[in-house]
Amino acid sequence: MPKNYYIAIEGVIGVGKTTLARAIQHELNAEILLEVFEENPFLARFYKDRKLYGFQTQIFFLLSRYHQQHAAIPAALTRAPLVSDYTFDKDHIFARLNIDGDELAMYEQVHTILAGKLVPPDLIVYLRATTDTLLRRIAVRDRAYERAIERGYIEALNAAYEEYFARAAAPVLTLDANRLDFVQRAEDLQFILSQVRAKLKSGTYQEPLL
């Protein structure tokens, strides 16, 4: 296993990325990098009118995530392993869903320039879940700005994530989050940790687990 490896947790809204990132960080004595999304001033308006506020929302996220990762990841990896609850490419998945035309073309140019300056993860843990599961979890955590999210948007995100990870060049470990309860069942968390350790050690990441 690499001495200072970088693991990123990915998946659709509500799947449990931050919860799993915190659990893995604790178990592996790693540092943690969490997505900062509350600071986006367009987010609440975006969920009410995605077409009107899509470009502003995505550009804000793109620059914010670049600023955070460009500074934090190299510094953290000089000290310890790192676990994050998002990838930089996450923003591109959302952008392709939320904007189009000249706005998407401009966004993609900026994204390509910035992505080339960042450290990629050694392993991405992709948490997959059904739309019903995601909607239940979103309702339980009850964030004010998420109350306007429509089922159709979560379904579209699910499809976009599946498409992205079907062709992703990065090392990916896929887990069925419908069947795993890593909060209430310690054995589920240990199963995930064993798979993460095995994949980091072997360097083979592509096959789905469940």
N, C-alpha and C. Protein backbone atom coordinates (compact mmCIF):
# COMPACT_ATOMS: atom_id res chain seq x y z
N MET A 1 0.85 -1.20 0.00
CA MET A 1 0.00 0.00 0.00
C MET A 1 0.88 1.24 0.00
N PRO A 2 0.58 2.26 -0.86
CA PRO A 2 1.38 3.48 -0.86
C PRO A 2 1.38 4.13 0.51
N LYS A 3 2.49 4.81 0.83
CA LYS A 3 2.59 5.42 2.15
C LYS A 3 1.54 6.51 2.34
N ASN A 4 1.49 7.44 1.41
CA ASN A 4 0.52 8.53 1.50
C ASN A 4 -0.38 8.50 0.27
N TYR A 5 -1.41 7.69 0.35
CA TYR A 5 -2.35 7.52 -0.75
C TYR A 5 -3.49 8.52 -0.60
N TYR A 6 -4.22 8.72 -1.69
CA TYR A 6 -5.32 9.68 -1.76
C TYR A 6 -6.56 8.93 -2.24
N ILE A 7 -7.56 8.85 -1.36
CA ILE A 7 -8.83 8.17 -1.65
C ILE A 7 -9.94 9.21 -1.74
N ALA A 8 -10.76 9.13 -2.78
CA ALA A 8 -11.92 10.02 -2.90
C ALA A 8 -13.19 9.19 -2.93
N ILE A 9 -14.20 9.65 -2.22
CA ILE A 9 -15.50 8.99 -2.19
C ILE A 9 -16.43 9.75 -3.14
N GLU A 10 -17.14 9.01 -4.00
CA GLU A 10 -18.04 9.66 -4.95
C GLU A 10 -19.41 8.97 -4.98
N GLY A 11 -20.39 9.69 -5.52
CA GLY A 11 -21.74 9.18 -5.65
C GLY A 11 -22.73 10.32 -5.69
N VAL A 12 -23.97 10.01 -5.98
CA VAL A 12 -25.02 11.01 -6.14
C VAL A 12 -25.38 11.62 -4.78
N ILE A 13 -26.01 12.78 -4.81
CA ILE A 13 -26.46 13.48 -3.62
C ILE A 13 -27.20 12.53 -2.66
N GLY A 14 -26.80 12.51 -1.39
CA GLY A 14 -27.50 11.73 -0.38
C GLY A 14 -27.01 10.31 -0.20
N VAL A 15 -25.98 9.90 -0.93
CA VAL A 15 -25.58 8.49 -0.88
C VAL A 15 -24.74 8.16 0.35
N GLY A 16 -24.17 9.16 1.01
CA GLY A 16 -23.39 8.90 2.22
C GLY A 16 -21.90 9.14 2.07
N LYS A 17 -21.51 9.99 1.15
CA LYS A 17 -20.08 10.22 0.87
C LYS A 17 -19.33 10.75 2.08
N THR A 18 -19.87 11.81 2.68
CA THR A 18 -19.17 12.44 3.80
C THR A 18 -19.10 11.50 5.00
N THR A 19 -20.18 10.78 5.27
CA THR A 19 -20.20 9.84 6.39
C THR A 19 -19.14 8.76 6.20
N LEU A 20 -19.04 8.22 5.00
CA LEU A 20 -18.03 7.19 4.75
C LEU A 20 -16.63 7.77 4.79
N ALA A 21 -16.44 8.96 4.25
CA ALA A 21 -15.12 9.58 4.27
C ALA A 21 -14.64 9.77 5.71
N ARG A 22 -15.53 10.22 6.59
CA ARG A 22 -15.13 10.41 7.99
C ARG A 22 -14.78 9.07 8.65
N ALA A 23 -15.55 8.03 8.34
CA ALA A 23 -15.29 6.71 8.93
C ALA A 23 -13.96 6.15 8.44
N ILE A 24 -13.70 6.26 7.16
CA ILE A 24 -12.43 5.76 6.61
C ILE A 24 -11.25 6.55 7.14
N GLN A 25 -11.42 7.86 7.23
CA GLN A 25 -10.34 8.69 7.78
C GLN A 25 -9.95 8.23 9.17
N HIS A 26 -10.95 7.98 10.00
CA HIS A 26 -10.69 7.56 11.37
C HIS A 26 -9.97 6.22 11.40
N GLU A 27 -10.44 5.27 10.61
CA GLU A 27 -9.87 3.92 10.62
C GLU A 27 -8.46 3.88 10.04
N LEU A 28 -8.17 4.72 9.08
CA LEU A 28 -6.87 4.68 8.40
C LEU A 28 -5.91 5.76 8.89
N ASN A 29 -6.31 6.50 9.92
CA ASN A 29 -5.45 7.57 10.46
C ASN A 29 -5.02 8.54 9.36
N ALA A 30 -5.96 8.92 8.54
CA ALA A 30 -5.70 9.81 7.41
C ALA A 30 -6.18 11.22 7.71
N GLU A 31 -5.76 12.17 6.88
CA GLU A 31 -6.36 13.49 6.90
C GLU A 31 -7.62 13.47 6.04
N ILE A 32 -8.44 14.50 6.19
CA ILE A 32 -9.71 14.53 5.46
C ILE A 32 -9.89 15.86 4.76
N LEU A 33 -10.47 15.80 3.57
CA LEU A 33 -10.81 16.99 2.79
C LEU A 33 -12.28 16.90 2.44
N LEU A 34 -13.09 17.83 2.96
CA LEU A 34 -14.53 17.80 2.76
C LEU A 34 -14.96 18.90 1.79
N GLU A 35 -15.93 18.55 0.96
CA GLU A 35 -16.48 19.51 0.01
C GLU A 35 -17.16 20.65 0.76
N VAL A 36 -16.94 21.86 0.29
CA VAL A 36 -17.59 23.05 0.85
C VAL A 36 -18.66 23.48 -0.14
N PHE A 37 -19.92 23.18 0.19
CA PHE A 37 -20.99 23.51 -0.75
C PHE A 37 -21.94 24.57 -0.21
N GLU A 38 -21.99 24.75 1.11
CA GLU A 38 -22.91 25.72 1.67
C GLU A 38 -22.56 27.14 1.27
N GLU A 39 -21.29 27.40 0.90
CA GLU A 39 -20.86 28.75 0.59
C GLU A 39 -21.30 29.21 -0.80
N ASN A 40 -21.82 28.30 -1.63
CA ASN A 40 -22.23 28.69 -2.98
C ASN A 40 -23.50 29.53 -2.90
N PRO A 41 -23.43 30.81 -3.26
CA PRO A 41 -24.60 31.70 -3.09
C PRO A 41 -25.73 31.42 -4.07
N PHE A 42 -25.46 30.59 -5.08
CA PHE A 42 -26.47 30.30 -6.10
C PHE A 42 -27.21 28.99 -5.87
N LEU A 43 -26.78 28.20 -4.88
CA LEU A 43 -27.24 26.82 -4.78
C LEU A 43 -28.75 26.71 -4.52
N ALA A 44 -29.27 27.45 -3.55
CA ALA A 44 -30.70 27.37 -3.25
C ALA A 44 -31.53 27.81 -4.44
N ARG A 45 -31.09 28.88 -5.12
CA ARG A 45 -31.81 29.35 -6.30
C ARG A 45 -31.71 28.36 -7.45
N PHE A 46 -30.56 27.67 -7.53
CA PHE A 46 -30.37 26.67 -8.59
C PHE A 46 -31.40 25.55 -8.50
N TYR A 47 -31.66 25.05 -7.29
CA TYR A 47 -32.60 23.95 -7.14
C TYR A 47 -34.04 24.37 -7.47
N LYS A 48 -34.30 25.69 -7.44
CA LYS A 48 -35.62 26.17 -7.82
C LYS A 48 -35.73 26.46 -9.32
N ASP A 49 -34.59 26.82 -9.94
CA ASP A 49 -34.58 27.12 -11.37
C ASP A 49 -33.21 26.75 -11.93
N ARG A 50 -33.04 25.48 -12.29
CA ARG A 50 -31.74 24.97 -12.73
C ARG A 50 -31.28 25.63 -14.03
N LYS A 51 -32.18 25.92 -14.92
CA LYS A 51 -31.79 26.51 -16.20
C LYS A 51 -31.25 27.93 -16.02
N LEU A 52 -31.89 28.71 -15.18
CA LEU A 52 -31.48 30.10 -14.98
C LEU A 52 -30.17 30.21 -14.23
N TYR A 53 -29.97 29.36 -13.21
CA TYR A 53 -28.81 29.51 -12.34
C TYR A 53 -27.74 28.42 -12.53
N GLY A 54 -27.88 27.59 -13.55
CA GLY A 54 -26.95 26.50 -13.75
C GLY A 54 -25.52 26.95 -13.97
N PHE A 55 -25.29 27.91 -14.86
CA PHE A 55 -23.93 28.32 -15.20
C PHE A 55 -23.24 28.98 -14.01
N GLN A 56 -23.93 29.90 -13.33
CA GLN A 56 -23.33 30.56 -12.17
C GLN A 56 -22.97 29.55 -11.09
N THR A 57 -23.87 28.60 -10.85
CA THR A 57 -23.63 27.59 -9.82
C THR A 57 -22.42 26.75 -10.16
N GLN A 58 -22.32 26.31 -11.41
CA GLN A 58 -21.21 25.42 -11.79
C GLN A 58 -19.87 26.14 -11.80
N ILE A 59 -19.83 27.37 -12.29
CA ILE A 59 -18.57 28.11 -12.29
C ILE A 59 -18.09 28.38 -10.87
N PHE A 60 -19.02 28.73 -9.98
CA PHE A 60 -18.63 28.96 -8.59
C PHE A 60 -18.04 27.68 -8.00
N PHE A 61 -18.72 26.54 -8.19
CA PHE A 61 -18.21 25.28 -7.67
C PHE A 61 -16.85 24.93 -8.29
N LEU A 62 -16.72 25.12 -9.58
CA LEU A 62 -15.47 24.78 -10.26
C LEU A 62 -14.29 25.52 -9.66
N LEU A 63 -14.42 26.82 -9.52
CA LEU A 63 -13.32 27.63 -9.00
C LEU A 63 -13.08 27.37 -7.52
N SER A 64 -14.17 27.19 -6.77
CA SER A 64 -14.04 26.91 -5.34
C SER A 64 -13.33 25.57 -5.10
N ARG A 65 -13.73 24.54 -5.84
CA ARG A 65 -13.13 23.22 -5.67
C ARG A 65 -11.67 23.22 -6.12
N TYR A 66 -11.38 23.94 -7.20
CA TYR A 66 -9.99 24.02 -7.64
C TYR A 66 -9.13 24.70 -6.57
N HIS A 67 -9.62 25.83 -6.05
CA HIS A 67 -8.86 26.55 -5.04
C HIS A 67 -8.60 25.66 -3.83
N GLN A 68 -9.61 24.92 -3.39
CA GLN A 68 -9.44 24.06 -2.22
C GLN A 68 -8.47 22.93 -2.49
N GLN A 69 -8.63 22.23 -3.61
CA GLN A 69 -7.81 21.06 -3.88
C GLN A 69 -6.37 21.42 -4.24
N HIS A 70 -6.19 22.47 -4.99
CA HIS A 70 -4.85 22.85 -5.44
C HIS A 70 -3.93 23.12 -4.26
N ALA A 71 -4.46 23.72 -3.22
CA ALA A 71 -3.67 24.04 -2.05
C ALA A 71 -3.59 22.88 -1.06
N ALA A 72 -4.75 22.23 -0.84
CA ALA A 72 -4.85 21.30 0.29
C ALA A 72 -4.28 19.91 0.01
N ILE A 73 -4.48 19.39 -1.19
CA ILE A 73 -4.11 17.99 -1.43
C ILE A 73 -2.60 17.77 -1.39
N PRO A 74 -1.79 18.53 -2.13
CA PRO A 74 -0.34 18.30 -2.04
C PRO A 74 0.20 18.49 -0.63
N ALA A 75 -0.32 19.49 0.08
CA ALA A 75 0.16 19.72 1.45
C ALA A 75 -0.19 18.55 2.35
N ALA A 76 -1.42 18.05 2.25
CA ALA A 76 -1.84 16.94 3.11
C ALA A 76 -1.02 15.69 2.83
N LEU A 77 -0.73 15.42 1.58
CA LEU A 77 -0.03 14.18 1.22
C LEU A 77 1.43 14.18 1.64
N THR A 78 1.97 15.31 2.01
CA THR A 78 3.32 15.32 2.59
C THR A 78 3.31 14.86 4.03
N ARG A 79 2.11 14.83 4.65
CA ARG A 79 2.01 14.50 6.07
C ARG A 79 1.39 13.13 6.32
N ALA A 80 0.39 12.74 5.52
CA ALA A 80 -0.38 11.54 5.84
C ALA A 80 -1.21 11.15 4.63
N PRO A 81 -1.83 9.96 4.67
CA PRO A 81 -2.84 9.63 3.65
C PRO A 81 -3.99 10.63 3.72
N LEU A 82 -4.76 10.71 2.63
CA LEU A 82 -5.84 11.69 2.54
C LEU A 82 -7.11 11.01 2.04
N VAL A 83 -8.24 11.35 2.68
CA VAL A 83 -9.55 10.90 2.24
C VAL A 83 -10.41 12.13 1.97
N SER A 84 -11.09 12.16 0.81
CA SER A 84 -11.96 13.27 0.46
C SER A 84 -13.36 12.75 0.16
N ASP A 85 -14.37 13.59 0.33
CA ASP A 85 -15.74 13.17 0.04
C ASP A 85 -16.21 13.67 -1.34
N TYR A 86 -15.25 14.04 -2.20
CA TYR A 86 -15.61 14.41 -3.58
C TYR A 86 -14.37 14.39 -4.46
N THR A 87 -14.59 14.33 -5.76
CA THR A 87 -13.52 14.46 -6.74
C THR A 87 -13.70 15.75 -7.52
N PHE A 88 -12.64 16.22 -8.11
CA PHE A 88 -12.74 17.42 -8.94
C PHE A 88 -13.63 17.16 -10.16
N ASP A 89 -13.56 15.96 -10.71
CA ASP A 89 -14.37 15.64 -11.89
C ASP A 89 -15.86 15.61 -11.60
N LYS A 90 -16.23 15.52 -10.33
CA LYS A 90 -17.65 15.58 -9.97
C LYS A 90 -18.31 16.80 -10.59
N ASP A 91 -17.62 17.90 -10.59
CA ASP A 91 -18.18 19.14 -11.09
C ASP A 91 -18.52 19.02 -12.57
N HIS A 92 -17.71 18.28 -13.31
CA HIS A 92 -17.95 18.11 -14.74
C HIS A 92 -19.20 17.27 -14.99
N ILE A 93 -19.42 16.26 -14.15
CA ILE A 93 -20.63 15.43 -14.28
C ILE A 93 -21.87 16.32 -14.15
N PHE A 94 -21.88 17.17 -13.14
CA PHE A 94 -23.02 18.06 -12.92
C PHE A 94 -23.16 19.08 -14.04
N ALA A 95 -22.03 19.61 -14.49
CA ALA A 95 -22.08 20.65 -15.52
C ALA A 95 -22.70 20.13 -16.81
N ARG A 96 -22.35 18.92 -17.21
CA ARG A 96 -22.90 18.37 -18.44
C ARG A 96 -24.39 18.12 -18.35
N LEU A 97 -24.88 18.02 -17.13
CA LEU A 97 -26.31 17.83 -16.91
C LEU A 97 -27.06 19.16 -16.83
N ASN A 98 -26.39 20.19 -16.32
CA ASN A 98 -27.08 21.42 -15.95
C ASN A 98 -26.91 22.58 -16.92
N ILE A 99 -25.89 22.54 -17.77
CA ILE A 99 -25.68 23.63 -18.73
C ILE A 99 -25.40 23.06 -20.10
N ASP A 100 -25.54 23.88 -21.12
CA ASP A 100 -25.30 23.40 -22.48
C ASP A 100 -24.85 24.55 -23.36
N GLY A 101 -24.66 24.26 -24.65
CA GLY A 101 -24.32 25.30 -25.61
C GLY A 101 -23.01 25.99 -25.31
N ASP A 102 -22.98 27.30 -25.55
CA ASP A 102 -21.75 28.08 -25.35
C ASP A 102 -21.30 28.09 -23.89
N GLU A 103 -22.25 28.06 -22.97
CA GLU A 103 -21.89 28.05 -21.55
C GLU A 103 -21.14 26.78 -21.20
N LEU A 104 -21.61 25.63 -21.69
CA LEU A 104 -20.91 24.38 -21.42
C LEU A 104 -19.54 24.36 -22.09
N ALA A 105 -19.44 24.88 -23.31
CA ALA A 105 -18.16 24.92 -24.01
C ALA A 105 -17.14 25.75 -23.23
N MET A 106 -17.57 26.89 -22.72
CA MET A 106 -16.68 27.74 -21.93
C MET A 106 -16.28 27.04 -20.63
N TYR A 107 -17.28 26.46 -19.98
CA TYR A 107 -17.01 25.73 -18.74
C TYR A 107 -15.96 24.64 -18.98
N GLU A 108 -16.12 23.86 -20.03
CA GLU A 108 -15.23 22.73 -20.28
C GLU A 108 -13.80 23.18 -20.57
N GLN A 109 -13.64 24.31 -21.23
CA GLN A 109 -12.30 24.84 -21.45
C GLN A 109 -11.60 25.15 -20.14
N VAL A 110 -12.34 25.82 -19.25
CA VAL A 110 -11.75 26.17 -17.95
C VAL A 110 -11.47 24.91 -17.14
N HIS A 111 -12.42 23.97 -17.14
CA HIS A 111 -12.25 22.73 -16.38
C HIS A 111 -11.01 21.98 -16.84
N THR A 112 -10.79 21.87 -18.13
CA THR A 112 -9.64 21.14 -18.66
C THR A 112 -8.33 21.76 -18.20
N ILE A 113 -8.26 23.08 -18.22
CA ILE A 113 -7.04 23.77 -17.78
C ILE A 113 -6.77 23.52 -16.30
N LEU A 114 -7.82 23.65 -15.48
CA LEU A 114 -7.64 23.51 -14.04
C LEU A 114 -7.37 22.07 -13.63
N ALA A 115 -8.06 21.11 -14.25
CA ALA A 115 -7.90 19.71 -13.87
C ALA A 115 -6.47 19.23 -14.05
N GLY A 116 -5.80 19.76 -15.07
CA GLY A 116 -4.42 19.34 -15.32
C GLY A 116 -3.43 19.79 -14.27
N LYS A 117 -3.85 20.66 -13.38
CA LYS A 117 -2.96 21.18 -12.34
C LYS A 117 -3.17 20.49 -10.99
N LEU A 118 -4.09 19.50 -10.92
CA LEU A 118 -4.45 18.88 -9.65
C LEU A 118 -3.92 17.45 -9.54
N VAL A 119 -3.76 17.00 -8.29
CA VAL A 119 -3.33 15.63 -8.01
C VAL A 119 -4.55 14.71 -8.12
N PRO A 120 -4.51 13.67 -8.96
CA PRO A 120 -5.65 12.76 -9.07
C PRO A 120 -5.67 11.75 -7.92
N PRO A 121 -6.83 11.21 -7.57
CA PRO A 121 -6.89 10.19 -6.51
C PRO A 121 -6.18 8.90 -6.91
N ASP A 122 -5.65 8.20 -5.92
CA ASP A 122 -5.14 6.84 -6.15
C ASP A 122 -6.28 5.85 -6.27
N LEU A 123 -7.41 6.17 -5.64
CA LEU A 123 -8.58 5.30 -5.68
C LEU A 123 -9.84 6.13 -5.48
N ILE A 124 -10.84 5.89 -6.33
CA ILE A 124 -12.17 6.47 -6.13
C ILE A 124 -13.11 5.37 -5.68
N VAL A 125 -13.77 5.58 -4.56
CA VAL A 125 -14.80 4.66 -4.08
C VAL A 125 -16.14 5.22 -4.53
N TYR A 126 -16.78 4.53 -5.46
CA TYR A 126 -18.06 4.97 -6.02
C TYR A 126 -19.20 4.26 -5.31
N LEU A 127 -19.99 5.04 -4.56
CA LEU A 127 -21.16 4.52 -3.86
C LEU A 127 -22.36 4.61 -4.80
N ARG A 128 -22.91 3.48 -5.16
CA ARG A 128 -24.05 3.42 -6.08
C ARG A 128 -25.32 3.13 -5.28
N ALA A 129 -26.42 3.85 -5.60
CA ALA A 129 -27.70 3.63 -4.91
C ALA A 129 -28.85 3.94 -5.86
N THR A 130 -30.01 3.38 -5.58
CA THR A 130 -31.19 3.66 -6.38
C THR A 130 -31.72 5.05 -6.06
N THR A 131 -32.53 5.57 -6.95
CA THR A 131 -33.14 6.88 -6.73
C THR A 131 -34.00 6.88 -5.47
N ASP A 132 -34.74 5.80 -5.23
CA ASP A 132 -35.58 5.73 -4.02
C ASP A 132 -34.74 5.82 -2.76
N THR A 133 -33.62 5.11 -2.73
CA THR A 133 -32.73 5.17 -1.57
C THR A 133 -32.21 6.58 -1.36
N LEU A 134 -31.78 7.22 -2.43
CA LEU A 134 -31.23 8.56 -2.33
C LEU A 134 -32.26 9.57 -1.84
N LEU A 135 -33.47 9.47 -2.37
CA LEU A 135 -34.52 10.41 -1.95
C LEU A 135 -34.87 10.23 -0.47
N ARG A 136 -34.88 9.00 -0.01
CA ARG A 136 -35.14 8.76 1.43
C ARG A 136 -34.06 9.41 2.28
N ARG A 137 -32.81 9.26 1.89
CA ARG A 137 -31.71 9.81 2.69
C ARG A 137 -31.69 11.33 2.63
N ILE A 138 -32.02 11.90 1.48
CA ILE A 138 -32.10 13.35 1.36
C ILE A 138 -33.19 13.90 2.28
N ALA A 139 -34.33 13.20 2.32
CA ALA A 139 -35.43 13.63 3.18
C ALA A 139 -35.06 13.55 4.65
N VAL A 140 -34.35 12.51 5.04
CA VAL A 140 -33.97 12.32 6.44
C VAL A 140 -33.04 13.44 6.91
N ARG A 141 -32.06 13.82 6.08
CA ARG A 141 -31.13 14.86 6.55
C ARG A 141 -31.74 16.25 6.43
N ASP A 142 -32.72 16.44 5.57
CA ASP A 142 -33.58 17.63 5.53
C ASP A 142 -32.79 18.94 5.49
N ARG A 143 -31.91 19.07 4.50
CA ARG A 143 -31.24 20.35 4.28
C ARG A 143 -32.20 21.28 3.54
N ALA A 144 -32.29 22.51 4.01
CA ALA A 144 -33.29 23.43 3.48
C ALA A 144 -33.18 23.61 1.97
N TYR A 145 -31.95 23.77 1.47
CA TYR A 145 -31.79 24.05 0.05
C TYR A 145 -32.02 22.81 -0.82
N GLU A 146 -32.13 21.62 -0.20
CA GLU A 146 -32.37 20.40 -0.97
C GLU A 146 -33.86 20.03 -1.05
N ARG A 147 -34.71 20.77 -0.36
CA ARG A 147 -36.12 20.40 -0.32
C ARG A 147 -36.81 20.57 -1.67
N ALA A 148 -36.22 21.39 -2.55
CA ALA A 148 -36.82 21.61 -3.87
C ALA A 148 -36.31 20.62 -4.92
N ILE A 149 -35.42 19.70 -4.54
CA ILE A 149 -34.89 18.74 -5.51
C ILE A 149 -36.00 17.83 -6.00
N GLU A 150 -36.09 17.67 -7.31
CA GLU A 150 -37.11 16.82 -7.91
C GLU A 150 -36.58 15.41 -8.15
N ARG A 151 -37.49 14.45 -8.14
CA ARG A 151 -37.10 13.06 -8.41
C ARG A 151 -36.40 12.92 -9.76
N GLY A 152 -36.91 13.63 -10.76
CA GLY A 152 -36.33 13.53 -12.08
C GLY A 152 -34.88 13.97 -12.11
N TYR A 153 -34.51 14.96 -11.28
CA TYR A 153 -33.13 15.42 -11.24
C TYR A 153 -32.23 14.35 -10.64
N ILE A 154 -32.66 13.69 -9.59
CA ILE A 154 -31.86 12.62 -8.99
C ILE A 154 -31.72 11.45 -9.97
N GLU A 155 -32.79 11.13 -10.69
CA GLU A 155 -32.71 10.07 -11.69
C GLU A 155 -31.70 10.42 -12.78
N ALA A 156 -31.72 11.68 -13.21
CA ALA A 156 -30.78 12.11 -14.24
C ALA A 156 -29.34 12.08 -13.72
N LEU A 157 -29.15 12.49 -12.47
CA LEU A 157 -27.81 12.43 -11.87
C LEU A 157 -27.32 10.98 -11.78
N ASN A 158 -28.21 10.09 -11.36
CA ASN A 158 -27.84 8.68 -11.27
C ASN A 158 -27.37 8.16 -12.62
N ALA A 159 -28.09 8.50 -13.67
CA ALA A 159 -27.72 8.05 -15.01
C ALA A 159 -26.38 8.67 -15.43
N ALA A 160 -26.16 9.94 -15.09
CA ALA A 160 -24.92 10.60 -15.45
C ALA A 160 -23.72 9.99 -14.72
N TYR A 161 -23.89 9.66 -13.45
CA TYR A 161 -22.82 9.01 -12.69
C TYR A 161 -22.51 7.63 -13.25
N GLU A 162 -23.54 6.88 -13.57
CA GLU A 162 -23.33 5.54 -14.14
C GLU A 162 -22.56 5.62 -15.45
N GLU A 163 -22.93 6.57 -16.28
CA GLU A 163 -22.25 6.75 -17.56
C GLU A 163 -20.79 7.13 -17.34
N TYR A 164 -20.56 8.05 -16.41
CA TYR A 164 -19.19 8.50 -16.15
C TYR A 164 -18.31 7.36 -15.66
N PHE A 165 -18.79 6.60 -14.68
CA PHE A 165 -17.95 5.56 -14.10
C PHE A 165 -17.86 4.31 -14.98
N ALA A 166 -18.74 4.20 -15.96
CA ALA A 166 -18.63 3.10 -16.92
C ALA A 166 -17.41 3.29 -17.83
N ARG A 167 -16.97 4.54 -17.99
CA ARG A 167 -15.85 4.81 -18.89
C ARG A 167 -14.70 5.54 -18.20
N ALA A 168 -14.75 5.64 -16.88
CA ALA A 168 -13.72 6.39 -16.16
C ALA A 168 -12.36 5.72 -16.29
N ALA A 169 -11.34 6.54 -16.56
CA ALA A 169 -9.98 6.02 -16.65
C ALA A 169 -9.35 5.88 -15.27
N ALA A 170 -9.85 6.60 -14.29
CA ALA A 170 -9.29 6.55 -12.94
C ALA A 170 -9.61 5.21 -12.28
N PRO A 171 -8.79 4.78 -11.31
CA PRO A 171 -9.08 3.55 -10.56
C PRO A 171 -10.34 3.70 -9.73
N VAL A 172 -11.30 2.80 -9.92
CA VAL A 172 -12.62 2.91 -9.28
C VAL A 172 -12.98 1.62 -8.57
N LEU A 173 -13.47 1.75 -7.35
CA LEU A 173 -14.02 0.65 -6.58
C LEU A 173 -15.51 0.93 -6.39
N THR A 174 -16.38 0.09 -6.95
CA THR A 174 -17.82 0.33 -6.92
C THR A 174 -18.47 -0.48 -5.80
N LEU A 175 -19.31 0.20 -4.99
CA LEU A 175 -19.99 -0.44 -3.88
C LEU A 175 -21.49 -0.18 -3.95
N ASP A 176 -22.28 -1.18 -3.60
CA ASP A 176 -23.73 -1.04 -3.59
C ASP A 176 -24.16 -0.44 -2.26
N ALA A 177 -24.45 0.86 -2.25
CA ALA A 177 -24.82 1.55 -1.02
C ALA A 177 -26.23 1.22 -0.56
N ASN A 178 -27.04 0.58 -1.40
CA ASN A 178 -28.36 0.13 -0.96
C ASN A 178 -28.24 -0.98 0.07
N ARG A 179 -27.23 -1.80 -0.06
CA ARG A 179 -27.08 -2.99 0.78
C ARG A 179 -26.13 -2.80 1.95
N LEU A 180 -25.34 -1.75 1.93
CA LEU A 180 -24.35 -1.53 2.97
C LEU A 180 -24.80 -0.43 3.93
N ASP A 181 -24.75 -0.70 5.21
CA ASP A 181 -25.06 0.29 6.23
C ASP A 181 -23.82 0.44 7.11
N PHE A 182 -22.90 1.29 6.67
CA PHE A 182 -21.62 1.42 7.36
C PHE A 182 -21.72 2.30 8.59
N VAL A 183 -22.91 2.83 8.88
CA VAL A 183 -23.12 3.59 10.12
C VAL A 183 -23.59 2.67 11.24
N GLN A 184 -24.59 1.83 10.95
CA GLN A 184 -25.20 0.98 11.96
C GLN A 184 -24.54 -0.40 12.08
N ARG A 185 -23.88 -0.86 11.02
CA ARG A 185 -23.29 -2.21 11.05
C ARG A 185 -21.79 -2.12 10.90
N ALA A 186 -21.08 -2.41 11.98
CA ALA A 186 -19.62 -2.33 11.97
C ALA A 186 -19.01 -3.27 10.95
N GLU A 187 -19.67 -4.42 10.72
CA GLU A 187 -19.12 -5.38 9.77
C GLU A 187 -19.15 -4.84 8.34
N ASP A 188 -20.12 -3.98 8.04
CA ASP A 188 -20.16 -3.38 6.71
C ASP A 188 -19.01 -2.41 6.50
N LEU A 189 -18.71 -1.62 7.53
CA LEU A 189 -17.57 -0.71 7.44
C LEU A 189 -16.28 -1.49 7.29
N GLN A 190 -16.14 -2.57 8.05
CA GLN A 190 -14.92 -3.37 7.94
C GLN A 190 -14.80 -4.03 6.57
N PHE A 191 -15.93 -4.43 5.98
CA PHE A 191 -15.90 -4.98 4.63
C PHE A 191 -15.38 -3.94 3.65
N ILE A 192 -15.89 -2.71 3.75
CA ILE A 192 -15.44 -1.65 2.85
C ILE A 192 -13.95 -1.39 3.04
N LEU A 193 -13.51 -1.31 4.27
CA LEU A 193 -12.09 -1.06 4.55
C LEU A 193 -11.21 -2.17 3.99
N SER A 194 -11.65 -3.40 4.11
CA SER A 194 -10.86 -4.51 3.59
C SER A 194 -10.74 -4.43 2.07
N GLN A 195 -11.82 -4.03 1.40
CA GLN A 195 -11.78 -3.89 -0.04
C GLN A 195 -10.88 -2.73 -0.47
N VAL A 196 -10.98 -1.62 0.25
CA VAL A 196 -10.13 -0.47 -0.05
C VAL A 196 -8.66 -0.83 0.11
N ARG A 197 -8.33 -1.48 1.22
CA ARG A 197 -6.93 -1.86 1.45
C ARG A 197 -6.44 -2.82 0.38
N ALA A 198 -7.28 -3.78 0.01
CA ALA A 198 -6.88 -4.76 -0.99
C ALA A 198 -6.64 -4.11 -2.34
N LYS A 199 -7.51 -3.18 -2.71
CA LYS A 199 -7.36 -2.53 -4.01
C LYS A 199 -6.14 -1.61 -4.05
N LEU A 200 -5.89 -0.91 -2.96
CA LEU A 200 -4.71 -0.06 -2.91
C LEU A 200 -3.43 -0.89 -2.98
N LYS A 201 -3.46 -2.03 -2.31
CA LYS A 201 -2.28 -2.89 -2.28
C LYS A 201 -2.02 -3.55 -3.62
N SER A 202 -3.09 -4.01 -4.27
CA SER A 202 -2.94 -4.77 -5.52
C SER A 202 -2.81 -3.88 -6.74
N GLY A 203 -3.38 -2.67 -6.64
CA GLY A 203 -3.37 -1.80 -7.80
C GLY A 203 -4.41 -2.15 -8.83
N THR A 204 -5.34 -3.03 -8.50
CA THR A 204 -6.44 -3.38 -9.44
C THR A 204 -7.73 -2.87 -8.82
N TYR A 205 -8.44 -2.02 -9.57
CA TYR A 205 -9.56 -1.32 -8.98
C TYR A 205 -10.87 -1.41 -9.75
N GLN A 206 -10.89 -1.95 -10.95
CA GLN A 206 -11.99 -1.68 -11.85
C GLN A 206 -13.26 -2.51 -11.63
N GLU A 207 -13.15 -3.73 -11.14
CA GLU A 207 -14.34 -4.57 -11.11
C GLU A 207 -15.31 -4.15 -10.02
N PRO A 208 -16.64 -4.16 -10.30
CA PRO A 208 -17.64 -3.89 -9.27
C PRO A 208 -17.62 -4.97 -8.20
N LEU A 209 -18.04 -4.62 -6.99
CA LEU A 209 -17.95 -5.56 -5.87
C LEU A 209 -19.23 -6.33 -5.63
N LEU A 210 -20.39 -5.69 -5.80
CA LEU A 210 -21.64 -6.31 -5.35
C LEU A 210 -22.65 -6.34 -6.48
